[in-house]
Amino acid sequence: MSNFLMLLIAAAGTSSLCACSTQTQVAEPPHRATIVVHEPKREEGDFVLCDDGRVIVFPASHPKTCT
């Protein structure tokens, strides 16, 4: 038990001698998703769910693909 206490005291004493930076670096996420909302045009529409996670919305008279 005394060895454990000595270890704690030694660890607390050396932390003030450390030349480490106290600022924390926060990494930005690589990509933030963007949601765009448009006013509906009151026409029939459809959508496609792509394999890469995109959602393509288009008027039913002009179908689109994920390519």
C-alpha atoms as a PDB file:
ATOM      1  CA  MET A   1       0.000   0.000   0.000  1.00  0.00           C
ATOM      2  CA  SER A   2       2.838   2.393   0.802  1.00  0.00           C
ATOM      3  CA  ASN A   3       4.377   1.709  -2.628  1.00  0.00           C
ATOM      4  CA  PHE A   4       1.107   2.709  -4.250  1.00  0.00           C
ATOM      5  CA  LEU A   5       0.970   5.953  -2.252  1.00  0.00           C
ATOM      6  CA  MET A   6       4.576   6.764  -3.155  1.00  0.00           C
ATOM      7  CA  LEU A   7       3.749   6.135  -6.815  1.00  0.00           C
ATOM      8  CA  LEU A   8       0.775   8.532  -6.641  1.00  0.00           C
ATOM      9  CA  ILE A   9       2.874  11.206  -4.954  1.00  0.00           C
ATOM     10  CA  ALA A  10       5.639  10.826  -7.534  1.00  0.00           C
ATOM     11  CA  ALA A  11       3.175  10.994 -10.404  1.00  0.00           C
ATOM     12  CA  ALA A  12       1.534  14.128  -9.020  1.00  0.00           C
ATOM     13  CA  GLY A  13       4.914  15.785  -8.459  1.00  0.00           C
ATOM     14  CA  THR A  14       6.183  15.173 -11.980  1.00  0.00           C
ATOM     15  CA  SER A  15       3.074  16.501 -13.713  1.00  0.00           C
ATOM     16  CA  SER A  16       4.081  20.075 -12.890  1.00  0.00           C
ATOM     17  CA  LEU A  17       7.497  19.494 -14.486  1.00  0.00           C
ATOM     18  CA  CYS A  18       6.028  18.298 -17.758  1.00  0.00           C
ATOM     19  CA  ALA A  19       6.553  20.662 -20.685  1.00  0.00           C
ATOM     20  CA  CYS A  20       3.383  19.374 -22.322  1.00  0.00           C
ATOM     21  CA  SER A  21       0.849  21.684 -23.885  1.00  0.00           C
ATOM     22  CA  THR A  22      -2.384  21.970 -21.942  1.00  0.00           C
ATOM     23  CA  GLN A  23      -4.406  22.973 -24.998  1.00  0.00           C
ATOM     24  CA  THR A  24      -6.514  20.243 -26.486  1.00  0.00           C
ATOM     25  CA  GLN A  25      -6.548  19.916 -30.243  1.00  0.00           C
ATOM     26  CA  VAL A  26      -9.982  19.086 -31.628  1.00  0.00           C
ATOM     27  CA  ALA A  27      -9.969  17.478 -35.041  1.00  0.00           C
ATOM     28  CA  GLU A  28     -12.601  18.710 -37.476  1.00  0.00           C
ATOM     29  CA  PRO A  29     -14.753  16.042 -39.080  1.00  0.00           C
ATOM     30  CA  PRO A  30     -13.646  15.342 -42.647  1.00  0.00           C
ATOM     31  CA  HIS A  31     -17.013  16.201 -44.190  1.00  0.00           C
ATOM     32  CA  ARG A  32     -20.196  17.775 -42.888  1.00  0.00           C
ATOM     33  CA  ALA A  33     -23.462  16.790 -44.507  1.00  0.00           C
ATOM     34  CA  THR A  34     -25.482  19.631 -46.003  1.00  0.00           C
ATOM     35  CA  ILE A  35     -29.264  19.595 -46.209  1.00  0.00           C
ATOM     36  CA  VAL A  36     -30.834  21.910 -48.779  1.00  0.00           C
ATOM     37  CA  VAL A  37     -34.585  22.500 -48.709  1.00  0.00           C
ATOM     38  CA  HIS A  38     -36.385  23.970 -51.716  1.00  0.00           C
ATOM     39  CA  GLU A  39     -39.989  25.138 -51.935  1.00  0.00           C
ATOM     40  CA  PRO A  40     -42.062  22.442 -53.681  1.00  0.00           C
ATOM     41  CA  LYS A  41     -43.225  23.242 -57.222  1.00  0.00           C
ATOM     42  CA  ARG A  42     -46.479  21.254 -56.856  1.00  0.00           C
ATOM     43  CA  GLU A  43     -45.567  18.698 -59.502  1.00  0.00           C
ATOM     44  CA  GLU A  44     -45.242  14.938 -59.282  1.00  0.00           C
ATOM     45  CA  GLY A  45     -41.753  13.814 -58.337  1.00  0.00           C
ATOM     46  CA  ASP A  46     -39.644  10.791 -57.567  1.00  0.00           C
ATOM     47  CA  PHE A  47     -36.319  10.035 -55.905  1.00  0.00           C
ATOM     48  CA  VAL A  48     -33.428   7.577 -56.105  1.00  0.00           C
ATOM     49  CA  LEU A  49     -31.301   6.329 -53.190  1.00  0.00           C
ATOM     50  CA  CYS A  50     -27.729   5.862 -54.420  1.00  0.00           C
ATOM     51  CA  ASP A  51     -25.221   3.330 -53.043  1.00  0.00           C
ATOM     52  CA  ASP A  52     -22.916   6.146 -51.840  1.00  0.00           C
ATOM     53  CA  GLY A  53     -25.640   7.633 -49.609  1.00  0.00           C
ATOM     54  CA  ARG A  54     -26.871  10.390 -51.918  1.00  0.00           C
ATOM     55  CA  VAL A  55     -30.573  10.998 -52.461  1.00  0.00           C
ATOM     56  CA  ILE A  56     -31.463  12.372 -55.895  1.00  0.00           C
ATOM     57  CA  VAL A  57     -34.878  14.009 -56.163  1.00  0.00           C
ATOM     58  CA  PHE A  58     -36.286  14.865 -59.579  1.00  0.00           C
ATOM     59  CA  PRO A  59     -39.584  15.576 -61.365  1.00  0.00           C
ATOM     60  CA  ALA A  60     -41.309  12.410 -62.563  1.00  0.00           C
ATOM     61  CA  SER A  61     -41.185  13.718 -66.132  1.00  0.00           C
ATOM     62  CA  HIS A  62     -37.333  13.912 -66.037  1.00  0.00           C
ATOM     63  CA  PRO A  63     -35.946  10.761 -64.326  1.00  0.00           C
ATOM     64  CA  LYS A  64     -32.299  10.725 -63.223  1.00  0.00           C
ATOM     65  CA  THR A  65     -29.801   8.031 -62.178  1.00  0.00           C
ATOM     66  CA  CYS A  66     -26.955   7.854 -59.674  1.00  0.00           C
ATOM     67  CA  THR A  67     -24.223   8.130 -62.322  1.00  0.00           C
END
